[in-house]
Amino acid sequence: MATMAGREVRRPISAADSTMADGLKPVFDAIAESRAILAWPDNWDGEGSPRYDDATWNRATAFVGDNAIRLWEDEGKLMDAPDIQPGALGRIVIEWSVGDRALIVVIPANAGEQAEFYGHDDERTITIKGELNTASPQSPRLLGLIAL
């Protein structure tokens, strides 16, 4: 396994591929910064929200990191760094805004549930929504919404 920004990634990263390493650094920086929510206690919002579980965060960040690498390797495109935010009921929300496009993926606290996604352009002439298995590679159409 290779590491990038202190995170293990499943595919080896060649030191010779500096474009990939430089281009993906913002994505892995966003992942590293999002780790802070794991330190939040139960009721962190005063509304009774549960603390964030390591397993949920790991699923969310693996989804981001694995698909960033896949988008580069399969399509030669870089992914913009997402906003990785706390969601309701222990969910983690991943949001990308790239040009006139946006994609939101909600990772549930329950590993047995599918993640939900919604994507659109500014004029909403292109809109997609549905559920996805975060452990499976995602379609180029979905990832194309967030490619630079």
N, C-alpha and C. Protein backbone atom coordinates (compact mmCIF):
# COMPACT_ATOMS: atom_id res chain seq x y z
N MET A 1 0.84 -1.18 0.00
CA MET A 1 0.00 0.00 0.00
C MET A 1 0.88 1.24 0.00
N ALA A 2 0.40 2.25 -0.66
CA ALA A 2 1.08 3.53 -0.69
C ALA A 2 0.33 4.49 0.22
N THR A 3 0.96 5.58 0.60
CA THR A 3 0.28 6.59 1.39
C THR A 3 0.31 7.91 0.64
N MET A 4 -0.72 8.69 0.84
CA MET A 4 -0.79 10.03 0.29
C MET A 4 -1.42 10.90 1.35
N ALA A 5 -0.76 12.00 1.69
CA ALA A 5 -1.24 12.91 2.73
C ALA A 5 -1.53 12.15 4.02
N GLY A 6 -0.67 11.16 4.34
CA GLY A 6 -0.80 10.41 5.57
C GLY A 6 -1.88 9.35 5.56
N ARG A 7 -2.51 9.08 4.43
CA ARG A 7 -3.59 8.11 4.32
C ARG A 7 -3.17 6.99 3.39
N GLU A 8 -3.43 5.75 3.81
CA GLU A 8 -3.13 4.63 2.93
C GLU A 8 -4.12 4.61 1.79
N VAL A 9 -3.61 4.36 0.59
CA VAL A 9 -4.48 4.21 -0.58
C VAL A 9 -4.28 2.82 -1.14
N ARG A 10 -5.31 2.28 -1.76
CA ARG A 10 -5.28 0.89 -2.19
C ARG A 10 -4.36 0.63 -3.37
N ARG A 11 -4.21 1.59 -4.22
CA ARG A 11 -3.40 1.38 -5.41
C ARG A 11 -2.03 2.03 -5.22
N PRO A 12 -1.00 1.39 -5.74
CA PRO A 12 0.32 2.01 -5.59
C PRO A 12 0.40 3.32 -6.37
N ILE A 13 1.06 4.29 -5.79
CA ILE A 13 1.25 5.57 -6.44
C ILE A 13 2.72 5.68 -6.82
N SER A 14 2.98 5.86 -8.08
CA SER A 14 4.34 5.97 -8.58
C SER A 14 4.90 7.34 -8.24
N ALA A 15 6.11 7.37 -7.72
CA ALA A 15 6.76 8.65 -7.43
C ALA A 15 6.97 9.43 -8.72
N ALA A 16 7.05 8.74 -9.83
CA ALA A 16 7.26 9.40 -11.12
C ALA A 16 6.00 10.13 -11.59
N ASP A 17 4.86 9.81 -11.03
CA ASP A 17 3.62 10.43 -11.46
C ASP A 17 3.33 11.66 -10.61
N SER A 18 4.15 12.69 -10.77
CA SER A 18 4.02 13.87 -9.94
C SER A 18 2.75 14.65 -10.24
N THR A 19 2.24 14.58 -11.46
CA THR A 19 0.98 15.27 -11.77
C THR A 19 -0.14 14.73 -10.91
N MET A 20 -0.20 13.41 -10.82
CA MET A 20 -1.24 12.80 -10.00
C MET A 20 -1.06 13.18 -8.53
N ALA A 21 0.15 13.04 -8.03
CA ALA A 21 0.40 13.34 -6.62
C ALA A 21 0.08 14.80 -6.30
N ASP A 22 0.51 15.72 -7.15
CA ASP A 22 0.23 17.14 -6.91
C ASP A 22 -1.25 17.44 -7.05
N GLY A 23 -1.89 16.85 -8.05
CA GLY A 23 -3.29 17.11 -8.31
C GLY A 23 -4.23 16.54 -7.26
N LEU A 24 -3.84 15.44 -6.64
CA LEU A 24 -4.70 14.81 -5.64
C LEU A 24 -4.43 15.31 -4.22
N LYS A 25 -3.37 16.06 -4.02
CA LYS A 25 -3.05 16.55 -2.69
C LYS A 25 -4.21 17.31 -2.05
N PRO A 26 -4.90 18.22 -2.76
CA PRO A 26 -6.02 18.91 -2.12
C PRO A 26 -7.14 17.96 -1.66
N VAL A 27 -7.36 16.89 -2.41
CA VAL A 27 -8.39 15.91 -2.02
C VAL A 27 -7.99 15.24 -0.72
N PHE A 28 -6.73 14.80 -0.63
CA PHE A 28 -6.29 14.11 0.58
C PHE A 28 -6.09 15.07 1.75
N ASP A 29 -5.82 16.34 1.47
CA ASP A 29 -5.80 17.35 2.54
C ASP A 29 -7.21 17.53 3.12
N ALA A 30 -8.22 17.55 2.25
CA ALA A 30 -9.61 17.68 2.72
C ALA A 30 -9.99 16.48 3.58
N ILE A 31 -9.55 15.29 3.19
CA ILE A 31 -9.80 14.09 3.98
C ILE A 31 -9.15 14.23 5.36
N ALA A 32 -7.89 14.64 5.39
CA ALA A 32 -7.18 14.78 6.66
C ALA A 32 -7.86 15.81 7.57
N GLU A 33 -8.28 16.93 6.99
CA GLU A 33 -8.94 17.98 7.78
C GLU A 33 -10.27 17.50 8.35
N SER A 34 -10.97 16.64 7.62
CA SER A 34 -12.28 16.19 8.08
C SER A 34 -12.20 15.26 9.28
N ARG A 35 -11.03 14.74 9.56
CA ARG A 35 -10.85 13.81 10.68
C ARG A 35 -11.24 14.45 12.02
N ALA A 36 -11.20 15.77 12.09
CA ALA A 36 -11.51 16.47 13.34
C ALA A 36 -12.90 16.14 13.88
N ILE A 37 -13.86 15.81 13.01
CA ILE A 37 -15.22 15.52 13.50
C ILE A 37 -15.26 14.26 14.36
N LEU A 38 -14.24 13.41 14.25
CA LEU A 38 -14.21 12.19 15.07
C LEU A 38 -13.99 12.49 16.55
N ALA A 39 -13.48 13.66 16.86
CA ALA A 39 -13.24 14.03 18.25
C ALA A 39 -14.47 14.67 18.91
N TRP A 40 -15.48 14.97 18.11
CA TRP A 40 -16.68 15.60 18.67
C TRP A 40 -17.44 14.60 19.53
N PRO A 41 -17.93 15.04 20.71
CA PRO A 41 -18.65 14.12 21.61
C PRO A 41 -20.12 13.95 21.18
N ASP A 42 -20.80 13.02 21.83
CA ASP A 42 -22.25 12.94 21.68
C ASP A 42 -22.84 14.31 22.01
N ASN A 43 -23.93 14.65 21.36
CA ASN A 43 -24.62 15.92 21.57
C ASN A 43 -23.73 17.12 21.24
N TRP A 44 -22.86 16.97 20.26
CA TRP A 44 -21.92 18.03 19.88
C TRP A 44 -22.65 19.29 19.40
N ASP A 45 -23.89 19.14 18.95
CA ASP A 45 -24.64 20.28 18.41
C ASP A 45 -25.71 20.80 19.38
N GLY A 46 -25.80 20.20 20.56
CA GLY A 46 -26.83 20.61 21.51
C GLY A 46 -28.22 20.11 21.12
N GLU A 47 -28.30 19.31 20.06
CA GLU A 47 -29.57 18.79 19.56
C GLU A 47 -29.67 17.27 19.74
N GLY A 48 -28.71 16.70 20.46
CA GLY A 48 -28.74 15.26 20.71
C GLY A 48 -28.08 14.40 19.64
N SER A 49 -27.36 15.01 18.72
CA SER A 49 -26.71 14.23 17.65
C SER A 49 -25.64 13.31 18.23
N PRO A 50 -25.54 12.11 17.66
CA PRO A 50 -24.51 11.18 18.14
C PRO A 50 -23.13 11.62 17.65
N ARG A 51 -22.11 11.12 18.34
CA ARG A 51 -20.73 11.37 17.89
C ARG A 51 -20.53 10.64 16.57
N TYR A 52 -19.53 11.04 15.83
CA TYR A 52 -19.24 10.43 14.54
C TYR A 52 -18.37 9.20 14.72
N ASP A 53 -18.77 8.13 14.08
CA ASP A 53 -18.12 6.84 14.20
C ASP A 53 -16.95 6.73 13.22
N ASP A 54 -15.84 6.13 13.68
CA ASP A 54 -14.68 5.93 12.82
C ASP A 54 -15.04 5.16 11.55
N ALA A 55 -15.90 4.15 11.68
CA ALA A 55 -16.25 3.33 10.52
C ALA A 55 -16.98 4.16 9.45
N THR A 56 -17.86 5.05 9.88
CA THR A 56 -18.57 5.92 8.93
C THR A 56 -17.59 6.85 8.23
N TRP A 57 -16.71 7.46 9.02
CA TRP A 57 -15.70 8.37 8.44
C TRP A 57 -14.79 7.60 7.48
N ASN A 58 -14.38 6.39 7.85
CA ASN A 58 -13.53 5.59 6.97
C ASN A 58 -14.23 5.28 5.66
N ARG A 59 -15.52 4.93 5.70
CA ARG A 59 -16.26 4.68 4.46
C ARG A 59 -16.33 5.94 3.60
N ALA A 60 -16.60 7.06 4.23
CA ALA A 60 -16.72 8.32 3.50
C ALA A 60 -15.40 8.71 2.85
N THR A 61 -14.33 8.63 3.61
CA THR A 61 -13.04 9.09 3.07
C THR A 61 -12.44 8.08 2.10
N ALA A 62 -12.72 6.80 2.28
CA ALA A 62 -12.28 5.81 1.29
C ALA A 62 -13.01 6.03 -0.03
N PHE A 63 -14.30 6.36 0.05
CA PHE A 63 -15.07 6.67 -1.16
C PHE A 63 -14.43 7.83 -1.91
N VAL A 64 -14.10 8.89 -1.20
CA VAL A 64 -13.48 10.06 -1.83
C VAL A 64 -12.11 9.70 -2.41
N GLY A 65 -11.24 9.15 -1.59
CA GLY A 65 -9.87 8.86 -2.03
C GLY A 65 -9.80 7.84 -3.15
N ASP A 66 -10.53 6.75 -3.02
CA ASP A 66 -10.50 5.71 -4.05
C ASP A 66 -11.02 6.22 -5.38
N ASN A 67 -12.09 7.01 -5.35
CA ASN A 67 -12.65 7.52 -6.60
C ASN A 67 -11.81 8.64 -7.20
N ALA A 68 -11.10 9.40 -6.37
CA ALA A 68 -10.18 10.41 -6.90
C ALA A 68 -9.06 9.73 -7.69
N ILE A 69 -8.53 8.66 -7.13
CA ILE A 69 -7.46 7.92 -7.80
C ILE A 69 -8.01 7.25 -9.06
N ARG A 70 -9.18 6.64 -8.95
CA ARG A 70 -9.77 5.97 -10.11
C ARG A 70 -10.05 6.95 -11.24
N LEU A 71 -10.58 8.13 -10.92
CA LEU A 71 -10.88 9.13 -11.94
C LEU A 71 -9.60 9.52 -12.68
N TRP A 72 -8.50 9.64 -11.94
CA TRP A 72 -7.23 9.98 -12.58
C TRP A 72 -6.73 8.82 -13.44
N GLU A 73 -6.73 7.63 -12.87
CA GLU A 73 -6.18 6.48 -13.60
C GLU A 73 -7.02 6.09 -14.81
N ASP A 74 -8.35 6.14 -14.69
CA ASP A 74 -9.22 5.68 -15.78
C ASP A 74 -9.54 6.77 -16.81
N GLU A 75 -9.64 8.02 -16.35
CA GLU A 75 -10.09 9.10 -17.22
C GLU A 75 -9.03 10.19 -17.45
N GLY A 76 -7.94 10.15 -16.65
CA GLY A 76 -6.92 11.20 -16.75
C GLY A 76 -7.42 12.55 -16.26
N LYS A 77 -8.43 12.53 -15.37
CA LYS A 77 -9.01 13.76 -14.84
C LYS A 77 -8.77 13.85 -13.35
N LEU A 78 -8.61 15.07 -12.87
CA LEU A 78 -8.46 15.31 -11.43
C LEU A 78 -9.80 15.68 -10.82
N MET A 79 -9.99 15.26 -9.60
CA MET A 79 -11.19 15.57 -8.83
C MET A 79 -10.91 16.81 -7.99
N ASP A 80 -11.86 17.71 -7.95
CA ASP A 80 -11.76 18.85 -7.06
C ASP A 80 -11.89 18.37 -5.62
N ALA A 81 -11.26 19.07 -4.69
CA ALA A 81 -11.37 18.69 -3.28
C ALA A 81 -12.79 18.94 -2.79
N PRO A 82 -13.37 17.96 -2.11
CA PRO A 82 -14.73 18.13 -1.60
C PRO A 82 -14.75 18.80 -0.24
N ASP A 83 -15.94 19.24 0.14
CA ASP A 83 -16.23 19.64 1.50
C ASP A 83 -16.74 18.38 2.19
N ILE A 84 -16.10 17.94 3.25
CA ILE A 84 -16.54 16.77 4.00
C ILE A 84 -17.08 17.29 5.32
N GLN A 85 -18.40 17.15 5.51
CA GLN A 85 -19.09 17.84 6.59
C GLN A 85 -19.89 16.88 7.46
N PRO A 86 -20.20 17.31 8.68
CA PRO A 86 -21.09 16.50 9.52
C PRO A 86 -22.51 16.57 8.99
N GLY A 87 -23.21 15.46 9.09
CA GLY A 87 -24.61 15.41 8.71
C GLY A 87 -25.46 14.97 9.90
N ALA A 88 -26.74 14.92 9.70
CA ALA A 88 -27.67 14.52 10.76
C ALA A 88 -27.53 13.03 11.05
N LEU A 89 -27.79 12.66 12.30
CA LEU A 89 -27.85 11.25 12.73
C LEU A 89 -26.57 10.47 12.45
N GLY A 90 -25.43 11.13 12.58
CA GLY A 90 -24.15 10.46 12.39
C GLY A 90 -23.73 10.27 10.94
N ARG A 91 -24.51 10.83 10.02
CA ARG A 91 -24.15 10.75 8.59
C ARG A 91 -23.02 11.72 8.29
N ILE A 92 -22.31 11.44 7.21
CA ILE A 92 -21.27 12.35 6.74
C ILE A 92 -21.65 12.78 5.33
N VAL A 93 -21.61 14.09 5.10
CA VAL A 93 -22.00 14.68 3.82
C VAL A 93 -20.74 15.12 3.07
N ILE A 94 -20.65 14.67 1.82
CA ILE A 94 -19.53 15.03 0.96
C ILE A 94 -20.10 15.90 -0.15
N GLU A 95 -19.55 17.09 -0.31
CA GLU A 95 -20.11 18.02 -1.30
C GLU A 95 -19.01 18.59 -2.18
N TRP A 96 -19.25 18.51 -3.48
CA TRP A 96 -18.37 19.10 -4.46
C TRP A 96 -19.12 20.19 -5.21
N SER A 97 -18.47 21.30 -5.48
CA SER A 97 -18.97 22.34 -6.38
C SER A 97 -17.85 22.64 -7.35
N VAL A 98 -18.08 22.36 -8.61
CA VAL A 98 -17.06 22.55 -9.64
C VAL A 98 -17.71 23.30 -10.80
N GLY A 99 -17.30 24.55 -10.99
CA GLY A 99 -17.90 25.35 -12.05
C GLY A 99 -19.40 25.46 -11.81
N ASP A 100 -20.17 25.04 -12.80
CA ASP A 100 -21.62 25.11 -12.67
C ASP A 100 -22.24 23.81 -12.19
N ARG A 101 -21.42 22.88 -11.73
CA ARG A 101 -21.91 21.56 -11.30
C ARG A 101 -21.75 21.38 -9.79
N ALA A 102 -22.63 20.56 -9.24
CA ALA A 102 -22.54 20.22 -7.82
C ALA A 102 -22.91 18.75 -7.65
N LEU A 103 -22.29 18.12 -6.69
CA LEU A 103 -22.61 16.75 -6.33
C LEU A 103 -22.56 16.63 -4.82
N ILE A 104 -23.61 16.04 -4.25
CA ILE A 104 -23.68 15.80 -2.82
C ILE A 104 -23.86 14.30 -2.62
N VAL A 105 -23.02 13.71 -1.77
CA VAL A 105 -23.13 12.30 -1.42
C VAL A 105 -23.28 12.23 0.10
N VAL A 106 -24.29 11.53 0.57
CA VAL A 106 -24.55 11.40 2.01
C VAL A 106 -24.23 9.95 2.41
N ILE A 107 -23.23 9.81 3.27
CA ILE A 107 -22.80 8.50 3.75
C ILE A 107 -23.55 8.21 5.05
N PRO A 108 -24.35 7.14 5.09
CA PRO A 108 -25.12 6.84 6.30
C PRO A 108 -24.25 6.28 7.42
N ALA A 109 -24.70 6.44 8.66
CA ALA A 109 -23.97 5.88 9.79
C ALA A 109 -24.05 4.35 9.77
N ASN A 110 -25.14 3.81 9.27
CA ASN A 110 -25.34 2.37 9.19
C ASN A 110 -24.67 1.83 7.93
N ALA A 111 -23.66 1.00 8.09
CA ALA A 111 -22.92 0.46 6.95
C ALA A 111 -23.79 -0.38 6.03
N GLY A 112 -24.91 -0.87 6.51
CA GLY A 112 -25.80 -1.69 5.69
C GLY A 112 -26.69 -0.88 4.76
N GLU A 113 -26.72 0.43 4.93
CA GLU A 113 -27.54 1.29 4.08
C GLU A 113 -26.73 1.83 2.92
N GLN A 114 -27.40 2.10 1.82
CA GLN A 114 -26.76 2.71 0.66
C GLN A 114 -26.57 4.20 0.91
N ALA A 115 -25.54 4.76 0.30
CA ALA A 115 -25.36 6.21 0.32
C ALA A 115 -26.34 6.82 -0.67
N GLU A 116 -26.73 8.06 -0.42
CA GLU A 116 -27.60 8.78 -1.34
C GLU A 116 -26.78 9.85 -2.04
N PHE A 117 -27.13 10.15 -3.31
CA PHE A 117 -26.44 11.22 -4.01
C PHE A 117 -27.42 12.07 -4.79
N TYR A 118 -27.00 13.30 -5.03
CA TYR A 118 -27.77 14.24 -5.84
C TYR A 118 -26.77 15.13 -6.55
N GLY A 119 -26.93 15.28 -7.83
CA GLY A 119 -26.03 16.13 -8.60
C GLY A 119 -26.80 16.95 -9.61
N HIS A 120 -26.25 18.14 -9.93
CA HIS A 120 -26.90 19.01 -10.91
C HIS A 120 -25.93 20.05 -11.43
N ASP A 121 -26.32 20.69 -12.54
CA ASP A 121 -25.62 21.89 -12.98
C ASP A 121 -26.41 23.09 -12.47
N ASP A 122 -25.86 24.30 -12.62
CA ASP A 122 -26.51 25.49 -12.06
C ASP A 122 -27.93 25.70 -12.56
N GLU A 123 -28.16 25.40 -13.83
CA GLU A 123 -29.49 25.61 -14.39
C GLU A 123 -30.38 24.38 -14.21
N ARG A 124 -29.82 23.35 -13.61
CA ARG A 124 -30.52 22.09 -13.36
C ARG A 124 -31.05 21.46 -14.65
N THR A 125 -30.31 21.69 -15.74
CA THR A 125 -30.65 21.01 -16.99
C THR A 125 -30.17 19.58 -16.95
N ILE A 126 -29.15 19.34 -16.12
CA ILE A 126 -28.66 17.98 -15.88
C ILE A 126 -28.84 17.72 -14.39
N THR A 127 -29.64 16.73 -14.05
CA THR A 127 -29.87 16.37 -12.66
C THR A 127 -29.82 14.86 -12.54
N ILE A 128 -29.07 14.39 -11.55
CA ILE A 128 -29.05 12.96 -11.26
C ILE A 128 -29.22 12.78 -9.75
N LYS A 129 -29.87 11.68 -9.37
CA LYS A 129 -30.00 11.37 -7.95
C LYS A 129 -30.23 9.88 -7.83
N GLY A 130 -29.91 9.38 -6.66
CA GLY A 130 -30.12 7.97 -6.44
C GLY A 130 -29.36 7.48 -5.23
N GLU A 131 -29.13 6.18 -5.21
CA GLU A 131 -28.38 5.53 -4.14
C GLU A 131 -27.18 4.84 -4.76
N LEU A 132 -26.15 4.66 -3.95
CA LEU A 132 -24.96 3.98 -4.44
C LEU A 132 -24.28 3.22 -3.32
N ASN A 133 -23.54 2.21 -3.72
CA ASN A 133 -22.72 1.43 -2.81
C ASN A 133 -21.35 2.08 -2.80
N THR A 134 -20.95 2.64 -1.67
CA THR A 134 -19.68 3.37 -1.62
C THR A 134 -18.46 2.48 -1.79
N ALA A 135 -18.64 1.17 -1.63
CA ALA A 135 -17.51 0.25 -1.78
C ALA A 135 -17.25 -0.12 -3.25
N SER A 136 -18.18 0.23 -4.14
CA SER A 136 -18.03 -0.11 -5.55
C SER A 136 -17.51 1.08 -6.34
N PRO A 137 -16.73 0.83 -7.41
CA PRO A 137 -16.30 1.94 -8.27
C PRO A 137 -17.52 2.65 -8.85
N GLN A 138 -17.43 3.96 -8.98
CA GLN A 138 -18.57 4.74 -9.45
C GLN A 138 -18.47 4.99 -10.96
N SER A 139 -19.60 5.33 -11.54
CA SER A 139 -19.67 5.51 -12.98
C SER A 139 -18.96 6.78 -13.41
N PRO A 140 -18.40 6.77 -14.61
CA PRO A 140 -17.78 8.00 -15.14
C PRO A 140 -18.76 9.15 -15.21
N ARG A 141 -20.06 8.89 -15.45
CA ARG A 141 -21.04 9.98 -15.52
C ARG A 141 -21.16 10.69 -14.17
N LEU A 142 -21.23 9.91 -13.10
CA LEU A 142 -21.33 10.50 -11.77
C LEU A 142 -20.06 11.27 -11.44
N LEU A 143 -18.91 10.64 -11.67
CA LEU A 143 -17.64 11.29 -11.34
C LEU A 143 -17.34 12.46 -12.27
N GLY A 144 -17.89 12.42 -13.47
CA GLY A 144 -17.69 13.52 -14.41
C GLY A 144 -18.25 14.84 -13.90
N LEU A 145 -19.23 14.76 -13.01
CA LEU A 145 -19.77 16.01 -12.43
C LEU A 145 -18.73 16.75 -11.61
N ILE A 146 -17.75 16.02 -11.09
CA ILE A 146 -16.80 16.65 -10.17
C ILE A 146 -15.39 16.73 -10.73
N ALA A 147 -15.22 16.34 -11.98
CA ALA A 147 -13.89 16.39 -12.61
C ALA A 147 -13.54 17.82 -12.98
N LEU A 148 -12.28 18.14 -12.82
CA LEU A 148 -11.81 19.48 -13.20
C LEU A 148 -11.52 19.51 -14.68
